[in-house]
PDB file of N, CA and C in Angstrom:
ATOM      1  N   MET A   1     -17.152-195.107 124.531  1.00  0.00           N
ATOM      2  CA  MET A   1     -17.229-193.643 125.974  1.00  0.00           C
ATOM      3  C   MET A   1     -16.970-194.595 127.175  1.00  0.00           C
ATOM      4  N   ILE A   2     -18.653-194.153 127.414  1.00  0.00           N
ATOM      5  CA  ILE A   2     -19.081-194.019 128.632  1.00  0.00           C
ATOM      6  C   ILE A   2     -20.330-195.607 128.452  1.00  0.00           C
ATOM      7  N   ASP A   3     -20.317-195.822 129.625  1.00  0.00           N
ATOM      8  CA  ASP A   3     -22.022-196.507 130.046  1.00  0.00           C
ATOM      9  C   ASP A   3     -22.212-196.013 131.003  1.00  0.00           C
ATOM     10  N   LEU A   4     -23.632-195.120 129.995  1.00  0.00           N
ATOM     11  CA  LEU A   4     -23.909-194.123 130.921  1.00  0.00           C
ATOM     12  C   LEU A   4     -25.070-194.702 131.935  1.00  0.00           C
ATOM     13  N   TYR A   5     -25.642-196.187 131.579  1.00  0.00           N
ATOM     14  CA  TYR A   5     -26.437-196.904 132.114  1.00  0.00           C
ATOM     15  C   TYR A   5     -25.636-197.356 133.923  1.00  0.00           C
ATOM     16  N   GLU A   6     -24.775-197.405 133.996  1.00  0.00           N
ATOM     17  CA  GLU A   6     -23.641-198.359 135.122  1.00  0.00           C
ATOM     18  C   GLU A   6     -23.403-196.635 135.764  1.00  0.00           C
ATOM     19  N   PHE A   7     -23.000-195.879 134.821  1.00  0.00           N
ATOM     20  CA  PHE A   7     -22.480-194.510 135.821  1.00  0.00           C
ATOM     21  C   PHE A   7     -24.410-193.913 136.284  1.00  0.00           C
ATOM     22  N   MET A   8     -25.021-193.965 136.292  1.00  0.00           N
ATOM     23  CA  MET A   8     -26.599-193.523 136.906  1.00  0.00           C
ATOM     24  C   MET A   8     -26.691-194.262 137.981  1.00  0.00           C
ATOM     25  N   LEU A   9     -26.923-195.669 137.473  1.00  0.00           N
ATOM     26  CA  LEU A   9     -27.394-196.719 138.294  1.00  0.00           C
ATOM     27  C   LEU A   9     -26.397-196.218 139.589  1.00  0.00           C
ATOM     28  N   LYS A  10     -25.083-196.210 139.386  1.00  0.00           N
ATOM     29  CA  LYS A  10     -23.727-196.560 140.822  1.00  0.00           C
ATOM     30  C   LYS A  10     -24.624-195.040 141.358  1.00  0.00           C
ATOM     31  N   ARG A  11     -24.721-194.119 140.906  1.00  0.00           N
ATOM     32  CA  ARG A  11     -25.569-192.644 141.686  1.00  0.00           C
ATOM     33  C   ARG A  11     -26.875-192.933 141.836  1.00  0.00           C
ATOM     34  N   ARG A  12     -27.419-193.572 141.718  1.00  0.00           N
ATOM     35  CA  ARG A  12     -29.384-194.452 142.451  1.00  0.00           C
ATOM     36  C   ARG A  12     -29.922-193.579 141.682  1.00  0.00           C
ATOM     37  N   LEU A  13     -29.979-193.721 140.443  1.00  0.00           N
ATOM     38  CA  LEU A  13     -30.477-192.306 139.390  1.00  0.00           C
ATOM     39  C   LEU A  13     -31.700-192.707 138.415  1.00  0.00           C
ATOM     40  N   THR A  14     -31.551-193.949 138.640  1.00  0.00           N
ATOM     41  CA  THR A  14     -31.891-195.106 136.972  1.00  0.00           C
ATOM     42  C   THR A  14     -32.128-196.488 137.720  1.00  0.00           C
ATOM     43  N   THR A  15     -33.049-197.305 137.205  1.00  0.00           N
ATOM     44  CA  THR A  15     -33.054-198.617 137.994  1.00  0.00           C
ATOM     45  C   THR A  15     -32.880-199.612 136.554  1.00  0.00           C
ATOM     46  N   SER A  16     -33.295-198.752 135.666  1.00  0.00           N
ATOM     47  CA  SER A  16     -33.642-199.933 134.691  1.00  0.00           C
ATOM     48  C   SER A  16     -33.134-198.592 132.792  1.00  0.00           C
ATOM     49  N   ARG A  17     -32.645-199.839 131.689  1.00  0.00           N
ATOM     50  CA  ARG A  17     -31.577-199.201 131.226  1.00  0.00           C
ATOM     51  C   ARG A  17     -33.027-198.333 130.308  1.00  0.00           C
ATOM     52  N   ARG A  18     -33.719-198.912 130.039  1.00  0.00           N
ATOM     53  CA  ARG A  18     -35.345-198.487 129.440  1.00  0.00           C
ATOM     54  C   ARG A  18     -35.112-196.986 130.088  1.00  0.00           C
ATOM     55  N   HIS A  19     -35.379-196.811 131.710  1.00  0.00           N
ATOM     56  CA  HIS A  19     -35.815-195.666 131.994  1.00  0.00           C
ATOM     57  C   HIS A  19     -34.264-194.569 131.763  1.00  0.00           C
ATOM     58  N   CYS A  20     -33.678-195.395 131.926  1.00  0.00           N
ATOM     59  CA  CYS A  20     -32.313-193.697 130.998  1.00  0.00           C
ATOM     60  C   CYS A  20     -32.287-193.838 130.181  1.00  0.00           C
ATOM     61  N   SER A  21     -32.976-194.372 129.331  1.00  0.00           N
ATOM     62  CA  SER A  21     -33.281-193.836 127.753  1.00  0.00           C
ATOM     63  C   SER A  21     -34.014-192.743 127.627  1.00  0.00           C
ATOM     64  N   THR A  22     -35.562-193.239 128.145  1.00  0.00           N
ATOM     65  CA  THR A  22     -36.317-192.224 128.149  1.00  0.00           C
ATOM     66  C   THR A  22     -36.358-191.023 128.834  1.00  0.00           C
ATOM     67  N   TYR A  23     -35.757-191.264 130.178  1.00  0.00           N
ATOM     68  CA  TYR A  23     -35.740-190.195 131.184  1.00  0.00           C
ATOM     69  C   TYR A  23     -34.570-189.317 130.946  1.00  0.00           C
ATOM     70  N   TRP A  24     -33.275-190.051 130.777  1.00  0.00           N
ATOM     71  CA  TRP A  24     -32.357-188.525 131.425  1.00  0.00           C
ATOM     72  C   TRP A  24     -31.891-189.048 129.130  1.00  0.00           C
ATOM     73  N   CYS A  25     -32.359-190.070 128.754  1.00  0.00           N
ATOM     74  CA  CYS A  25     -31.307-189.685 127.411  1.00  0.00           C
ATOM     75  C   CYS A  25     -32.438-189.357 126.650  1.00  0.00           C
ATOM     76  N   GLN A  26     -34.047-188.773 126.392  1.00  0.00           N
ATOM     77  CA  GLN A  26     -35.149-188.267 126.119  1.00  0.00           C
ATOM     78  C   GLN A  26     -34.872-189.052 124.543  1.00  0.00           C
ATOM     79  N   MET A  27     -34.474-190.030 124.478  1.00  0.00           N
ATOM     80  CA  MET A  27     -34.569-190.975 123.703  1.00  0.00           C
ATOM     81  C   MET A  27     -35.556-192.110 123.593  1.00  0.00           C
ATOM     82  N   ALA A  28     -35.534-192.956 122.412  1.00  0.00           N
ATOM     83  CA  ALA A  28     -36.178-194.155 122.567  1.00  0.00           C
ATOM     84  C   ALA A  28     -35.843-194.861 123.520  1.00  0.00           C
ATOM     85  N   PRO A  29     -36.981-196.072 124.227  1.00  0.00           N
ATOM     86  CA  PRO A  29     -36.424-197.334 124.956  1.00  0.00           C
ATOM     87  C   PRO A  29     -35.497-198.337 124.542  1.00  0.00           C
ATOM     88  N   ASN A  30     -35.103-198.723 123.686  1.00  0.00           N
ATOM     89  CA  ASN A  30     -34.029-198.955 123.682  1.00  0.00           C
ATOM     90  C   ASN A  30     -32.328-198.170 123.237  1.00  0.00           C
ATOM     91  N   TYR A  31     -32.668-197.391 123.201  1.00  0.00           N
ATOM     92  CA  TYR A  31     -31.539-195.746 123.043  1.00  0.00           C
ATOM     93  C   TYR A  31     -30.021-196.410 123.397  1.00  0.00           C
ATOM     94  N   LEU A  32     -30.425-197.159 124.634  1.00  0.00           N
ATOM     95  CA  LEU A  32     -28.640-198.005 125.157  1.00  0.00           C
ATOM     96  C   LEU A  32     -28.166-199.137 125.279  1.00  0.00           C
ATOM     97  N   VAL A  33     -29.696-199.981 124.633  1.00  0.00           N
ATOM     98  CA  VAL A  33     -29.396-201.522 124.710  1.00  0.00           C
ATOM     99  C   VAL A  33     -28.546-201.609 123.014  1.00  0.00           C
ATOM    100  N   VAL A  34     -29.320-200.340 122.309  1.00  0.00           N
ATOM    101  CA  VAL A  34     -28.184-200.694 120.570  1.00  0.00           C
ATOM    102  C   VAL A  34     -26.997-200.005 120.904  1.00  0.00           C
ATOM    103  N   GLY A  35     -26.507-199.307 121.539  1.00  0.00           N
ATOM    104  CA  GLY A  35     -25.106-199.149 121.693  1.00  0.00           C
ATOM    105  C   GLY A  35     -25.696-197.553 122.672  1.00  0.00           C
ATOM    106  N   GLY A  36     -23.818-197.294 122.760  1.00  0.00           N
ATOM    107  CA  GLY A  36     -22.934-196.469 123.219  1.00  0.00           C
ATOM    108  C   GLY A  36     -23.978-194.431 123.186  1.00  0.00           C
ATOM    109  N   PRO A  37     -24.184-193.372 124.189  1.00  0.00           N
ATOM    110  CA  PRO A  37     -24.844-192.806 124.013  1.00  0.00           C
ATOM    111  C   PRO A  37     -23.885-191.790 123.570  1.00  0.00           C
ATOM    112  N   SER A  38     -24.639-191.290 122.289  1.00  0.00           N
ATOM    113  CA  SER A  38     -23.397-189.724 121.527  1.00  0.00           C
ATOM    114  C   SER A  38     -24.094-188.265 122.511  1.00  0.00           C
ATOM    115  N   ASP A  39     -23.130-187.527 121.944  1.00  0.00           N
ATOM    116  CA  ASP A  39     -22.916-186.662 122.577  1.00  0.00           C
ATOM    117  C   ASP A  39     -24.450-185.863 122.894  1.00  0.00           C
ATOM    118  N   THR A  40     -25.539-185.873 121.813  1.00  0.00           N
ATOM    119  CA  THR A  40     -26.554-185.287 121.544  1.00  0.00           C
ATOM    120  C   THR A  40     -26.718-185.893 122.959  1.00  0.00           C
ATOM    121  N   ALA A  41     -27.185-187.000 122.961  1.00  0.00           N
ATOM    122  CA  ALA A  41     -27.604-187.499 124.159  1.00  0.00           C
ATOM    123  C   ALA A  41     -26.939-187.371 125.698  1.00  0.00           C
ATOM    124  N   MET A  42     -25.794-187.021 125.890  1.00  0.00           N
ATOM    125  CA  MET A  42     -25.135-186.692 127.267  1.00  0.00           C
ATOM    126  C   MET A  42     -25.029-185.513 127.483  1.00  0.00           C
ATOM    127  N   ILE A  43     -25.562-184.409 126.147  1.00  0.00           N
ATOM    128  CA  ILE A  43     -25.956-182.999 126.277  1.00  0.00           C
ATOM    129  C   ILE A  43     -27.363-182.969 127.220  1.00  0.00           C
ATOM    130  N   THR A  44     -28.238-183.575 126.533  1.00  0.00           N
ATOM    131  CA  THR A  44     -29.127-184.096 127.341  1.00  0.00           C
ATOM    132  C   THR A  44     -29.468-184.428 128.965  1.00  0.00           C
ATOM    133  N   VAL A  45     -28.208-185.569 129.195  1.00  0.00           N
ATOM    134  CA  VAL A  45     -28.735-185.672 130.474  1.00  0.00           C
ATOM    135  C   VAL A  45     -28.109-184.647 131.209  1.00  0.00           C
ATOM    136  N   PHE A  46     -27.097-183.878 130.642  1.00  0.00           N
ATOM    137  CA  PHE A  46     -26.157-182.665 131.432  1.00  0.00           C
ATOM    138  C   PHE A  46     -27.625-181.736 132.193  1.00  0.00           C
ATOM    139  N   ARG A  47     -27.667-181.664 131.099  1.00  0.00           N
ATOM    140  CA  ARG A  47     -29.164-180.453 130.993  1.00  0.00           C
ATOM    141  C   ARG A  47     -29.957-180.721 132.050  1.00  0.00           C
ATOM    142  N   ARG A  48     -30.644-182.051 131.880  1.00  0.00           N
ATOM    143  CA  ARG A  48     -31.833-182.628 132.989  1.00  0.00           C
ATOM    144  C   ARG A  48     -31.287-182.446 134.488  1.00  0.00           C
ATOM    145  N   LEU A  49     -29.822-183.119 134.564  1.00  0.00           N
ATOM    146  CA  LEU A  49     -29.284-182.770 135.830  1.00  0.00           C
ATOM    147  C   LEU A  49     -28.830-181.513 136.752  1.00  0.00           C
ATOM    148  N   VAL A  50     -28.494-180.622 136.023  1.00  0.00           N
ATOM    149  CA  VAL A  50     -28.519-178.803 136.205  1.00  0.00           C
ATOM    150  C   VAL A  50     -30.135-178.881 136.680  1.00  0.00           C
ATOM    151  N   ALA A  51     -31.044-178.745 135.578  1.00  0.00           N
ATOM    152  CA  ALA A  51     -32.217-178.507 135.773  1.00  0.00           C
ATOM    153  C   ALA A  51     -33.051-179.261 137.248  1.00  0.00           C
ATOM    154  N   GLU A  52     -32.461-180.384 137.653  1.00  0.00           N
ATOM    155  CA  GLU A  52     -32.664-180.453 139.063  1.00  0.00           C
ATOM    156  C   GLU A  52     -31.633-180.573 140.483  1.00  0.00           C
ATOM    157  N   GLY A  53     -30.980-179.776 139.662  1.00  0.00           N
ATOM    158  CA  GLY A  53     -30.207-179.430 140.524  1.00  0.00           C
ATOM    159  C   GLY A  53     -29.592-180.381 141.012  1.00  0.00           C
ATOM    160  N   ARG A  54     -28.860-181.862 140.796  1.00  0.00           N
ATOM    161  CA  ARG A  54     -28.270-182.409 141.089  1.00  0.00           C
ATOM    162  C   ARG A  54     -26.401-182.052 140.546  1.00  0.00           C
ATOM    163  N   TRP A  55     -25.952-180.888 140.879  1.00  0.00           N
ATOM    164  CA  TRP A  55     -24.317-180.721 140.539  1.00  0.00           C
ATOM    165  C   TRP A  55     -23.752-181.099 139.892  1.00  0.00           C
ATOM    166  N   GLY A  56     -23.360-182.030 141.387  1.00  0.00           N
ATOM    167  CA  GLY A  56     -22.061-182.978 141.422  1.00  0.00           C
ATOM    168  C   GLY A  56     -21.707-183.969 140.360  1.00  0.00           C
ATOM    169  N   THR A  57     -23.226-184.511 139.654  1.00  0.00           N
ATOM    170  CA  THR A  57     -23.406-185.616 138.952  1.00  0.00           C
ATOM    171  C   THR A  57     -23.096-184.669 137.185  1.00  0.00           C
ATOM    172  N   ALA A  58     -24.062-183.708 137.439  1.00  0.00           N
ATOM    173  CA  ALA A  58     -24.011-182.856 136.314  1.00  0.00           C
ATOM    174  C   ALA A  58     -22.578-182.366 136.280  1.00  0.00           C
ATOM    175  N   TYR A  59     -21.810-182.110 136.551  1.00  0.00           N
ATOM    176  CA  TYR A  59     -20.538-181.791 136.371  1.00  0.00           C
ATOM    177  C   TYR A  59     -19.182-182.773 136.171  1.00  0.00           C
ATOM    178  N   ARG A  60     -19.585-184.289 136.607  1.00  0.00           N
ATOM    179  CA  ARG A  60     -18.649-185.571 135.738  1.00  0.00           C
ATOM    180  C   ARG A  60     -19.131-185.487 134.561  1.00  0.00           C
ATOM    181  N   VAL A  61     -20.994-185.258 134.289  1.00  0.00           N
ATOM    182  CA  VAL A  61     -20.683-185.785 132.999  1.00  0.00           C
ATOM    183  C   VAL A  61     -20.731-184.730 131.791  1.00  0.00           C
ATOM    184  N   ALA A  62     -21.039-183.366 132.698  1.00  0.00           N
ATOM    185  CA  ALA A  62     -19.663-182.150 131.854  1.00  0.00           C
ATOM    186  C   ALA A  62     -18.342-182.967 131.513  1.00  0.00           C
ATOM    187  N   HIS A  63     -17.632-183.154 132.551  1.00  0.00           N
ATOM    188  CA  HIS A  63     -16.120-183.218 131.867  1.00  0.00           C
ATOM    189  C   HIS A  63     -16.148-184.402 130.929  1.00  0.00           C
ATOM    190  N   ILE A  64     -16.639-185.934 131.050  1.00  0.00           N
ATOM    191  CA  ILE A  64     -16.948-186.901 130.365  1.00  0.00           C
ATOM    192  C   ILE A  64     -16.907-186.059 128.850  1.00  0.00           C
ATOM    193  N   ILE A  65     -18.129-185.278 129.017  1.00  0.00           N
ATOM    194  CA  ILE A  65     -18.243-185.020 127.722  1.00  0.00           C
ATOM    195  C   ILE A  65     -16.992-184.486 127.083  1.00  0.00           C
ATOM    196  N   LEU A  66     -16.439-183.377 127.741  1.00  0.00           N
ATOM    197  CA  LEU A  66     -15.463-182.120 127.199  1.00  0.00           C
ATOM    198  C   LEU A  66     -14.081-183.138 127.215  1.00  0.00           C
ATOM    199  N   PHE A  67     -13.798-184.147 127.547  1.00  0.00           N
ATOM    200  CA  PHE A  67     -12.245-185.154 128.158  1.00  0.00           C
ATOM    201  C   PHE A  67     -12.772-186.194 127.922  1.00  0.00           C
ATOM    202  N   GLY A  68     -13.828-186.885 128.079  1.00  0.00           N
ATOM    203  CA  GLY A  68     -13.822-188.513 127.616  1.00  0.00           C
ATOM    204  C   GLY A  68     -14.128-189.014 128.987  1.00  0.00           C
ATOM    205  N   GLN A  69     -13.956-189.630 129.513  1.00  0.00           N
ATOM    206  CA  GLN A  69     -13.760-190.935 130.355  1.00  0.00           C
ATOM    207  C   GLN A  69     -12.319-191.395 130.943  1.00  0.00           C
ATOM    208  N   VAL A  70     -12.420-191.082 132.236  1.00  0.00           N
ATOM    209  CA  VAL A  70     -10.545-190.877 132.523  1.00  0.00           C
ATOM    210  C   VAL A  70     -11.316-192.854 133.462  1.00  0.00           C
ATOM    211  N   ARG A  71     -10.627-193.153 133.370  1.00  0.00           N
ATOM    212  CA  ARG A  71     -10.137-194.611 134.056  1.00  0.00           C
ATOM    213  C   ARG A  71      -9.898-194.321 135.158  1.00  0.00           C
ATOM    214  N   ARG A  72     -10.450-194.622 136.363  1.00  0.00           N
ATOM    215  CA  ARG A  72      -9.511-195.109 137.681  1.00  0.00           C
ATOM    216  C   ARG A  72      -8.538-196.178 138.217  1.00  0.00           C
TER     217      ARG A  72
END
């Protein structure tokens, strides 16, 4: 699916996989190390982004949830 950590790192929203797992996905600290994000985790990330007013990134995450990752 998507490497959520790389996606968030490029947007300077996280500094480590542990931070990304716990803050954005609200999962265990090793969650993103074990495997890719589930749909539930992606929806959690989307909700957090909307709550923080990060509309552009939230739009991209919603697009990934609905249509899958688009390769450019």
